[in-house]
Protein backbone atom coordinates (compact mmCIF):
# COMPACT_ATOMS: atom_id res chain seq x y z
CA MET A 1 -4.98 -14.11 4.79
CA GLY A 2 -6.12 -16.56 2.09
CA TYR A 3 -5.46 -17.38 -1.72
CA VAL A 4 -8.48 -18.63 -3.38
CA ARG A 5 -7.82 -19.97 -7.05
CA GLY A 6 -11.15 -20.39 -9.66
CA PHE A 7 -14.39 -19.98 -9.67
CA PRO A 8 -15.55 -20.40 -12.21
CA PRO A 9 -12.87 -22.85 -12.59
CA GLY A 10 -10.83 -22.65 -15.95
CA ARG A 11 -10.08 -19.22 -16.05
CA SER A 12 -8.78 -16.61 -13.92
CA LEU A 13 -10.73 -14.14 -12.26
CA THR A 14 -11.57 -10.59 -13.37
CA ARG A 15 -12.86 -7.16 -12.06
CA ALA A 16 -16.57 -8.30 -12.83
CA ASP A 17 -15.95 -11.53 -10.58
CA LEU A 18 -14.57 -9.09 -8.06
CA GLU A 19 -17.99 -7.00 -7.95
CA SER A 20 -19.91 -10.33 -7.03
CA MET A 21 -17.88 -10.78 -4.01
CA PRO A 22 -19.79 -10.00 -0.68
CA HIS A 23 -19.54 -7.08 1.51
CA ASP A 24 -18.83 -9.26 4.71
CA GLY A 25 -15.78 -7.07 6.37
CA HIS A 26 -13.12 -8.90 4.47
CA ARG A 27 -10.82 -7.51 1.72
CA TYR A 28 -11.04 -8.92 -1.61
CA GLU A 29 -7.95 -8.11 -4.29
CA LEU A 30 -6.94 -9.59 -7.52
CA LEU A 31 -3.37 -10.74 -8.08
CA ASP A 32 -3.31 -11.95 -11.67
CA GLY A 33 -6.44 -13.31 -11.45
CA VAL A 34 -5.96 -15.13 -8.16
CA LEU A 35 -8.50 -13.69 -5.02
CA VAL A 36 -6.80 -12.56 -2.31
CA VAL A 37 -8.70 -12.16 0.85
CA SER A 38 -7.60 -10.28 4.02
CA PRO A 39 -9.31 -10.18 7.41
CA SER A 40 -10.73 -7.17 9.53
CA PRO A 41 -7.47 -5.06 10.52
CA ARG A 42 -6.65 -4.56 14.50
CA PRO A 43 -7.48 -1.18 15.90
CA LEU A 44 -3.78 -0.57 15.97
CA HIS A 45 -3.75 -0.88 12.22
CA GLN A 46 -6.37 1.72 11.55
CA ARG A 47 -4.84 4.03 14.02
CA ALA A 48 -1.64 4.07 12.13
CA ILE A 49 -3.83 4.54 8.99
CA LEU A 50 -5.94 7.64 10.54
CA ARG A 51 -2.93 8.95 11.82
CA LEU A 52 -1.11 9.04 8.69
CA ILE A 53 -3.71 10.56 6.55
CA VAL A 54 -3.97 13.44 9.23
CA ALA A 55 -0.38 13.95 8.30
CA LEU A 56 -0.45 13.66 4.48
CA GLU A 57 -3.59 15.30 4.01
CA PRO A 58 -2.43 19.21 4.60
CA ALA A 59 0.66 18.46 2.47
CA CYS A 60 -1.07 16.83 -0.48
CA PRO A 61 -1.30 19.33 -3.53
CA ALA A 62 -4.74 20.17 -4.83
CA THR A 63 -4.39 18.14 -7.58
CA HIS A 64 -3.82 14.96 -5.68
CA GLU A 65 -6.37 13.43 -3.29
CA VAL A 66 -5.21 11.21 -0.07
CA LEU A 67 -8.01 8.21 0.58
CA PRO A 68 -8.19 5.39 3.39
CA ALA A 69 -9.06 1.55 2.02
CA PRO A 70 -10.98 0.39 0.71
CA VAL A 71 -10.70 2.04 -2.68
CA ASP A 72 -10.15 -0.31 -5.42
CA VAL A 73 -7.10 0.58 -7.48
CA ILE A 74 -7.57 -1.01 -10.89
CA LEU A 75 -4.05 -2.06 -12.93
CA ALA A 76 -5.23 -4.70 -15.02
CA GLU A 77 -8.60 -6.19 -15.65
CA ASP A 78 -7.18 -9.29 -13.76
CA THR A 79 -5.38 -7.22 -10.84
CA VAL A 80 -7.30 -4.89 -8.69
CA LEU A 81 -5.53 -3.98 -5.47
CA ILE A 82 -6.71 -1.92 -2.35
CA PRO A 83 -3.92 -0.20 -0.57
CA ASP A 84 -4.51 0.96 3.14
CA VAL A 85 -3.65 4.57 1.90
CA VAL A 86 -3.66 5.58 -1.54
CA VAL A 87 -2.59 8.96 -3.16
CA GLY A 88 -3.70 9.51 -6.58
CA ARG A 89 -4.35 12.32 -9.06
CA ARG A 90 -7.78 13.77 -8.82
CA ASP A 91 -8.38 12.95 -12.58
CA ALA A 92 -7.26 9.12 -11.88
CA PHE A 93 -10.47 8.55 -9.87
CA THR A 94 -13.81 7.80 -11.07
CA GLU A 95 -16.87 7.30 -9.06
CA GLN A 96 -16.01 3.56 -8.33
CA ALA A 97 -11.85 3.55 -8.41
CA LEU A 98 -8.39 4.85 -9.08
CA ILE A 99 -7.92 3.80 -12.84
CA GLY A 100 -4.25 3.19 -13.24
CA PRO A 101 -1.10 2.93 -10.70
CA PRO A 102 -1.43 5.81 -7.77
CA VAL A 103 1.38 8.11 -7.10
CA LEU A 104 1.87 6.95 -3.56
CA ALA A 105 0.43 3.70 -2.11
CA VAL A 106 1.06 2.75 1.90
CA GLU A 107 0.73 -0.81 3.33
CA VAL A 108 0.40 -0.74 6.87
CA LEU A 109 1.58 -4.25 8.00
CA SER A 110 -0.07 -7.25 9.83
CA PRO A 111 1.12 -10.80 10.83
CA ARG A 112 -1.20 -12.34 8.27
CA THR A 113 -0.39 -9.77 5.39
CA ARG A 114 2.96 -8.90 5.82
CA HIS A 115 4.74 -11.52 2.97
CA PHE A 116 1.50 -10.19 0.82
CA ASP A 117 2.49 -6.31 1.44
CA LEU A 118 6.52 -6.68 1.63
CA HIS A 119 6.82 -8.77 -1.31
CA LEU A 120 3.94 -9.48 -4.00
CA LYS A 121 2.01 -6.46 -3.69
CA ARG A 122 5.29 -4.24 -3.77
CA ALA A 123 6.32 -6.13 -6.70
CA LYS A 124 3.06 -5.27 -8.65
CA PHE A 125 2.96 -1.63 -7.63
CA ALA A 126 6.50 -1.66 -8.97
CA GLU A 127 5.63 -3.14 -12.31
CA ALA A 128 2.40 -1.12 -12.68
CA GLY A 129 4.39 2.12 -12.38
CA CYS A 130 3.44 3.30 -9.41
CA PRO A 131 6.37 5.86 -8.22
CA HIS A 132 6.34 5.63 -4.43
CA TYR A 133 5.35 2.90 -2.13
CA TRP A 134 5.64 3.17 1.99
CA VAL A 135 5.21 0.25 4.15
CA ILE A 136 4.35 1.04 8.03
CA ASP A 137 5.55 -1.68 10.75
CA PRO A 138 2.98 -0.81 13.33
CA ASP A 139 4.43 -3.21 15.99
CA GLU A 140 7.94 -1.79 15.70
CA PRO A 141 6.97 0.95 14.95
CA ARG A 142 8.83 1.92 11.81
CA ILE A 143 8.20 3.36 8.37
CA ARG A 144 9.83 2.49 5.09
CA CYS A 145 9.98 4.36 1.65
CA TRP A 146 10.89 3.22 -1.88
CA ARG A 147 10.78 5.13 -4.99
CA LEU A 148 10.81 3.47 -8.27
CA GLY A 149 13.66 4.08 -10.27
CA PRO A 150 16.61 2.49 -12.91
CA ARG A 151 18.17 0.68 -9.73
CA GLY A 152 16.91 -1.60 -7.43
CA ALA A 153 16.02 -1.56 -3.64
CA VAL A 154 17.47 -2.70 -0.34
CA ASP A 155 16.70 -6.57 0.06
CA LEU A 156 13.47 -6.65 2.46
CA ASP A 157 15.08 -9.31 4.75
CA SER A 158 18.47 -7.61 5.22
CA PRO A 159 18.29 -3.89 5.55
CA THR A 160 21.97 -3.89 5.35
CA SER A 161 22.21 -5.60 2.04
CA CYS A 162 22.83 -4.22 -1.46
CA ALA A 163 20.97 -7.04 -3.39
CA GLU A 164 18.84 -5.61 -5.94
CA PRO A 165 15.57 -7.14 -6.50
CA LEU A 166 13.92 -7.38 -9.88
CA ASP A 167 10.83 -4.85 -8.95
CA GLY A 168 13.15 -1.87 -9.53
CA TYR A 169 12.25 0.10 -6.18
CA THR A 170 14.86 1.81 -4.21
CA GLU A 171 14.93 1.85 -0.65
CA THR A 172 14.75 6.31 0.11
CA ALA A 173 14.11 6.04 4.04
CA SER A 174 13.62 4.13 6.72
CA VAL A 175 13.07 5.43 10.16
CA ALA A 176 11.57 3.94 13.27
CA GLY A 177 10.10 5.19 16.91
CA GLN A 178 10.73 8.91 17.67
CA GLN A 179 12.87 9.39 14.58
CA TRP A 180 11.61 11.61 12.08
CA LEU A 181 11.01 11.01 8.37
CA GLU A 182 11.41 13.77 6.49
CA LEU A 183 10.75 13.61 2.33
CA ASN A 184 10.06 15.77 -0.28
CA GLU A 185 8.44 13.22 -2.61
CA PRO A 186 5.81 12.62 -3.92
CA PHE A 187 5.15 15.88 -1.60
CA PRO A 188 6.99 17.49 1.46
CA VAL A 189 6.09 15.48 4.38
CA ARG A 190 7.36 15.33 7.82
CA LEU A 191 6.25 12.60 10.54
CA ARG A 192 7.45 10.18 13.50
CA PRO A 193 6.35 6.38 13.22
CA ALA A 194 5.86 6.56 17.16
CA ASP A 195 2.98 9.32 16.70
CA LEU A 196 1.07 6.86 14.28
CA VAL A 197 0.54 4.51 17.04
CA SER A 198 0.18 6.29 20.16
CA SER A 199 -2.80 5.36 21.90
CA HIS A 200 -3.14 9.73 22.63
CA ARG A 201 -2.57 12.52 20.52
CA GLY A 202 0.08 14.73 21.86
């Protein structure tokens, strides 16, 4: 992935600049006025997204909607992010985008986006008030879930650490392989990481 600063020079980029980007298979996002370009994802990445949506859709309340990327999530004039899976209130979606923080943002990691998804993007969603943030590592496979709250999260680089990053997320679950993930928020869901990446549906 790449970070591209400045066109035109002298100011940060905005939503209007983002709308001029080509439709070339890349993902273009804005983080504090900086253009972030991600390459096309792997089939494993897309499989995890599809299976996750299949698991979330039946449990999602009628007042909310589950959608895959690309859906622009507009957090500010200079910050437009595209989660791999987004859950938002139906009344927050316009014809072009989701306005404001989603109820749940999910990212599927890849080697080129890992740092961005685990640190920069997560912190920006926390700052915007997104109550739930999940990350799926399809290579392990593992699902990690965070909830926004008054206390910090478990340190990303050390699962046993009690360090409290500034973003305010608390890790509520971390399951791998055939372990079941069972959560009641943002709505009841039960799934296994292995089922998200299996080459066949069982």
